């Protein structure tokens, strides 16, 4: 006779996917904050760097005379963090399904 064993479902199977999402969200938030600090510290050189980074595209017309706004910064930080959390969680979920 053979025995049939049913492997118990691992309740923690979603954890690696969530950890991937959280890691990506934290990384995006930190790098966005760093990018903002560099922009505030040296807007001219930063703009020149961005122009050369994107193969000579001129980002100067995108400049506006509005001053820095903490509200806008926090809004963008939140939106990018939430989006990257979902993207990272989905990536982790797909990675698990592919058996990586």
N, C-alpha and C. Protein backbone atom coordinates (compact mmCIF):
# COMPACT_ATOMS: atom_id res chain seq x y z
N UNK A 1 0.83 -1.18 0.00
CA UNK A 1 0.00 0.00 0.00
C UNK A 1 0.88 1.24 0.00
N UNK A 2 0.35 2.25 -0.61
CA UNK A 2 1.07 3.51 -0.60
C UNK A 2 0.32 4.50 0.28
N UNK A 3 1.08 5.41 0.79
CA UNK A 3 0.43 6.43 1.61
C UNK A 3 0.46 7.74 0.86
N UNK A 4 -0.58 8.47 1.03
CA UNK A 4 -0.68 9.77 0.39
C UNK A 4 -0.49 10.84 1.46
N UNK A 5 0.52 11.62 1.26
CA UNK A 5 0.77 12.70 2.20
C UNK A 5 0.45 14.02 1.54
N UNK A 6 -0.25 14.82 2.26
CA UNK A 6 -0.55 16.16 1.78
C UNK A 6 0.34 17.11 2.55
N UNK A 7 1.16 17.79 1.80
CA UNK A 7 2.07 18.73 2.44
C UNK A 7 1.26 19.90 2.99
N UNK A 8 1.52 20.27 4.23
CA UNK A 8 0.79 21.42 4.76
C UNK A 8 1.17 22.69 4.01
N UNK A 9 0.17 23.50 3.78
CA UNK A 9 0.43 24.75 3.07
C UNK A 9 1.21 25.69 3.98
N UNK A 10 2.24 26.23 3.45
CA UNK A 10 3.09 27.14 4.21
C UNK A 10 2.38 28.48 4.34
N UNK A 11 2.02 28.84 5.56
CA UNK A 11 1.32 30.09 5.80
C UNK A 11 2.22 31.30 5.54
N UNK A 12 3.51 31.07 5.53
CA UNK A 12 4.44 32.18 5.32
C UNK A 12 4.85 32.32 3.86
N UNK A 13 4.13 31.70 2.94
CA UNK A 13 4.54 31.74 1.54
C UNK A 13 4.44 33.14 0.95
N UNK A 14 3.60 34.00 1.52
CA UNK A 14 3.48 35.36 1.00
C UNK A 14 4.55 36.29 1.57
N UNK A 15 5.21 35.88 2.63
CA UNK A 15 6.17 36.75 3.29
C UNK A 15 7.34 37.18 2.41
N UNK A 16 7.97 36.27 1.66
CA UNK A 16 9.07 36.75 0.81
C UNK A 16 8.62 37.79 -0.21
N UNK A 17 7.43 37.63 -0.76
CA UNK A 17 6.92 38.61 -1.72
C UNK A 17 6.70 39.96 -1.04
N UNK A 18 6.15 39.94 0.16
CA UNK A 18 5.94 41.19 0.90
C UNK A 18 7.27 41.83 1.28
N UNK A 19 8.24 41.01 1.65
CA UNK A 19 9.56 41.54 1.99
C UNK A 19 10.21 42.21 0.78
N UNK A 20 10.02 41.62 -0.38
CA UNK A 20 10.54 42.23 -1.61
C UNK A 20 9.88 43.58 -1.85
N UNK A 21 8.56 43.63 -1.68
CA UNK A 21 7.83 44.89 -1.86
C UNK A 21 8.27 45.96 -0.88
N UNK A 22 8.42 45.59 0.38
CA UNK A 22 8.84 46.55 1.40
C UNK A 22 10.26 47.04 1.11
N UNK A 23 11.14 46.12 0.73
CA UNK A 23 12.53 46.50 0.42
C UNK A 23 12.58 47.49 -0.74
N UNK A 24 11.80 47.23 -1.78
CA UNK A 24 11.81 48.13 -2.93
C UNK A 24 11.22 49.48 -2.55
N UNK A 25 10.15 49.49 -1.78
CA UNK A 25 9.53 50.76 -1.37
C UNK A 25 10.49 51.61 -0.55
N UNK A 26 11.20 51.00 0.38
CA UNK A 26 12.17 51.73 1.19
C UNK A 26 13.31 52.26 0.33
N UNK A 27 13.78 51.44 -0.60
CA UNK A 27 14.87 51.85 -1.49
C UNK A 27 14.46 53.04 -2.35
N UNK A 28 13.27 52.98 -2.93
CA UNK A 28 12.79 54.07 -3.78
C UNK A 28 12.63 55.34 -2.95
N UNK A 29 12.07 55.23 -1.75
CA UNK A 29 11.88 56.40 -0.89
C UNK A 29 13.22 57.05 -0.54
N UNK A 30 14.20 56.24 -0.17
CA UNK A 30 15.51 56.79 0.20
C UNK A 30 16.19 57.46 -0.99
N UNK A 31 16.14 56.82 -2.15
CA UNK A 31 16.81 57.40 -3.31
C UNK A 31 16.07 58.64 -3.83
N UNK A 32 14.76 58.68 -3.69
CA UNK A 32 14.01 59.88 -4.07
C UNK A 32 14.38 61.04 -3.14
N UNK A 33 14.47 60.76 -1.84
CA UNK A 33 14.86 61.79 -0.89
C UNK A 33 16.28 62.28 -1.17
N UNK A 34 17.19 61.37 -1.47
CA UNK A 34 18.56 61.75 -1.80
C UNK A 34 18.60 62.60 -3.06
N UNK A 35 17.85 62.21 -4.06
CA UNK A 35 17.78 62.97 -5.30
C UNK A 35 17.26 64.39 -5.03
N UNK A 36 16.25 64.50 -4.18
CA UNK A 36 15.70 65.81 -3.84
C UNK A 36 16.73 66.67 -3.11
N UNK A 37 17.48 66.05 -2.19
CA UNK A 37 18.51 66.80 -1.47
C UNK A 37 19.58 67.32 -2.42
N UNK A 38 19.99 66.50 -3.36
CA UNK A 38 21.01 66.94 -4.33
C UNK A 38 20.46 68.08 -5.18
N UNK A 39 19.20 67.96 -5.58
CA UNK A 39 18.57 69.02 -6.38
C UNK A 39 18.51 70.34 -5.60
N UNK A 40 18.16 70.25 -4.32
CA UNK A 40 18.09 71.46 -3.50
C UNK A 40 19.46 72.07 -3.26
N UNK A 41 20.47 71.23 -3.11
CA UNK A 41 21.82 71.71 -2.82
C UNK A 41 22.50 72.33 -4.04
N UNK A 42 22.27 71.76 -5.21
CA UNK A 42 22.96 72.23 -6.41
C UNK A 42 22.08 72.05 -7.64
N UNK A 43 21.07 72.90 -7.80
CA UNK A 43 20.15 72.71 -8.92
C UNK A 43 20.80 72.84 -10.30
N UNK A 44 21.74 73.76 -10.46
CA UNK A 44 22.40 73.94 -11.76
C UNK A 44 23.18 72.72 -12.20
N UNK A 45 24.14 72.27 -11.40
CA UNK A 45 24.89 71.07 -11.77
C UNK A 45 24.00 69.83 -11.90
N UNK A 46 22.99 69.75 -11.06
CA UNK A 46 22.08 68.61 -11.14
C UNK A 46 21.34 68.61 -12.48
N UNK A 47 20.89 69.78 -12.91
CA UNK A 47 20.19 69.88 -14.19
C UNK A 47 21.13 69.53 -15.34
N UNK A 48 22.37 69.99 -15.28
CA UNK A 48 23.35 69.63 -16.31
C UNK A 48 23.59 68.11 -16.34
N UNK A 49 23.67 67.52 -15.15
CA UNK A 49 23.85 66.07 -15.07
C UNK A 49 22.66 65.35 -15.69
N UNK A 50 21.45 65.79 -15.38
CA UNK A 50 20.25 65.14 -15.93
C UNK A 50 20.21 65.30 -17.45
N UNK A 51 20.60 66.47 -17.94
CA UNK A 51 20.62 66.67 -19.39
C UNK A 51 21.59 65.70 -20.06
N UNK A 52 22.77 65.52 -19.49
CA UNK A 52 23.74 64.61 -20.09
C UNK A 52 23.35 63.16 -19.86
N UNK A 53 22.71 62.86 -18.74
CA UNK A 53 22.29 61.49 -18.46
C UNK A 53 21.28 61.01 -19.50
N UNK A 54 20.41 61.92 -19.94
CA UNK A 54 19.40 61.57 -20.93
C UNK A 54 19.81 62.01 -22.33
N UNK A 55 21.07 61.81 -22.66
CA UNK A 55 21.62 62.00 -24.00
C UNK A 55 21.37 63.39 -24.57
N UNK A 56 21.55 64.40 -23.74
CA UNK A 56 21.48 65.77 -24.22
C UNK A 56 20.09 66.37 -24.26
N UNK A 57 19.07 65.66 -23.77
CA UNK A 57 17.74 66.27 -23.70
C UNK A 57 17.83 67.50 -22.80
N UNK A 58 17.11 68.54 -23.14
CA UNK A 58 17.16 69.77 -22.36
C UNK A 58 15.95 69.83 -21.43
N UNK A 59 16.21 69.70 -20.12
CA UNK A 59 15.14 69.75 -19.13
C UNK A 59 14.91 71.16 -18.61
N UNK A 60 15.64 72.14 -19.10
CA UNK A 60 15.50 73.52 -18.62
C UNK A 60 14.08 74.07 -18.76
N UNK A 61 13.35 73.78 -19.84
CA UNK A 61 11.98 74.30 -19.94
C UNK A 61 11.04 73.76 -18.85
N UNK A 62 11.43 72.68 -18.21
CA UNK A 62 10.58 72.11 -17.17
C UNK A 62 10.71 72.85 -15.84
N UNK A 63 11.73 73.69 -15.72
CA UNK A 63 11.93 74.43 -14.49
C UNK A 63 10.80 75.43 -14.29
N UNK A 64 10.41 75.58 -13.05
CA UNK A 64 9.40 76.59 -12.74
C UNK A 64 9.91 77.41 -11.56
N UNK A 65 9.34 78.55 -11.40
CA UNK A 65 9.86 79.45 -10.39
C UNK A 65 9.30 79.16 -8.98
N UNK A 66 8.48 78.16 -8.83
CA UNK A 66 7.90 77.85 -7.52
C UNK A 66 8.99 77.35 -6.58
N UNK A 67 8.85 77.71 -5.33
CA UNK A 67 9.83 77.27 -4.34
C UNK A 67 9.54 75.83 -3.91
N UNK A 68 10.48 75.27 -3.18
CA UNK A 68 10.35 73.89 -2.70
C UNK A 68 9.13 73.78 -1.78
N UNK A 69 8.38 72.71 -1.95
CA UNK A 69 7.18 72.47 -1.14
C UNK A 69 7.28 71.11 -0.47
N UNK A 70 7.24 71.12 0.85
CA UNK A 70 7.27 69.85 1.59
C UNK A 70 6.07 68.99 1.26
N UNK A 71 4.92 69.62 1.04
CA UNK A 71 3.71 68.87 0.70
C UNK A 71 3.87 68.11 -0.60
N UNK A 72 4.40 68.77 -1.61
CA UNK A 72 4.62 68.11 -2.91
C UNK A 72 5.66 67.00 -2.79
N UNK A 73 6.71 67.28 -2.02
CA UNK A 73 7.74 66.26 -1.81
C UNK A 73 7.15 65.03 -1.14
N UNK A 74 6.40 65.22 -0.07
CA UNK A 74 5.82 64.08 0.66
C UNK A 74 4.78 63.34 -0.18
N UNK A 75 4.02 64.08 -0.98
CA UNK A 75 3.03 63.44 -1.85
C UNK A 75 3.73 62.53 -2.87
N UNK A 76 4.75 63.05 -3.52
CA UNK A 76 5.49 62.25 -4.50
C UNK A 76 6.18 61.07 -3.82
N UNK A 77 6.75 61.30 -2.64
CA UNK A 77 7.40 60.22 -1.89
C UNK A 77 6.42 59.11 -1.56
N UNK A 78 5.23 59.47 -1.11
CA UNK A 78 4.21 58.49 -0.77
C UNK A 78 3.74 57.72 -2.00
N UNK A 79 3.43 58.44 -3.07
CA UNK A 79 2.94 57.78 -4.29
C UNK A 79 3.99 56.82 -4.84
N UNK A 80 5.24 57.25 -4.91
CA UNK A 80 6.28 56.38 -5.45
C UNK A 80 6.55 55.19 -4.53
N UNK A 81 6.47 55.39 -3.23
CA UNK A 81 6.69 54.29 -2.29
C UNK A 81 5.58 53.25 -2.37
N UNK A 82 4.34 53.71 -2.42
CA UNK A 82 3.21 52.77 -2.52
C UNK A 82 3.28 52.00 -3.84
N UNK A 83 3.54 52.73 -4.92
CA UNK A 83 3.64 52.08 -6.23
C UNK A 83 4.76 51.04 -6.25
N UNK A 84 5.91 51.40 -5.70
CA UNK A 84 7.04 50.46 -5.71
C UNK A 84 6.79 49.29 -4.76
N UNK A 85 6.03 49.50 -3.68
CA UNK A 85 5.66 48.39 -2.81
C UNK A 85 4.83 47.36 -3.59
N UNK A 86 3.81 47.84 -4.31
CA UNK A 86 2.98 46.92 -5.08
C UNK A 86 3.77 46.25 -6.20
N UNK A 87 4.62 47.02 -6.89
CA UNK A 87 5.43 46.44 -7.96
C UNK A 87 6.40 45.40 -7.40
N UNK A 88 7.05 45.70 -6.28
CA UNK A 88 7.98 44.76 -5.67
C UNK A 88 7.30 43.52 -5.14
N UNK A 89 6.11 43.69 -4.54
CA UNK A 89 5.35 42.54 -4.05
C UNK A 89 4.93 41.64 -5.21
N UNK A 90 4.48 42.27 -6.29
CA UNK A 90 4.10 41.48 -7.46
C UNK A 90 5.31 40.74 -8.03
N UNK A 91 6.44 41.43 -8.12
CA UNK A 91 7.68 40.80 -8.59
C UNK A 91 8.03 39.60 -7.71
N UNK A 92 7.96 39.78 -6.38
CA UNK A 92 8.26 38.68 -5.46
C UNK A 92 7.31 37.51 -5.62
N UNK A 93 6.04 37.81 -5.86
CA UNK A 93 5.02 36.77 -6.07
C UNK A 93 5.30 36.00 -7.36
N UNK A 94 5.60 36.72 -8.43
CA UNK A 94 5.91 36.06 -9.71
C UNK A 94 7.18 35.23 -9.56
N UNK A 95 8.17 35.77 -8.89
CA UNK A 95 9.43 35.05 -8.69
C UNK A 95 9.19 33.73 -7.95
N UNK A 96 8.32 33.76 -6.93
CA UNK A 96 7.99 32.53 -6.21
C UNK A 96 7.31 31.53 -7.10
N UNK A 97 6.40 32.01 -7.94
CA UNK A 97 5.64 31.11 -8.82
C UNK A 97 6.54 30.47 -9.87
N UNK A 98 7.58 31.17 -10.24
CA UNK A 98 8.51 30.62 -11.22
C UNK A 98 9.54 29.68 -10.59
N UNK A 99 9.49 29.58 -9.26
CA UNK A 99 10.35 28.64 -8.58
C UNK A 99 11.76 29.12 -8.35
N UNK A 100 11.95 30.41 -8.39
CA UNK A 100 13.29 30.95 -8.19
C UNK A 100 13.67 30.92 -6.73
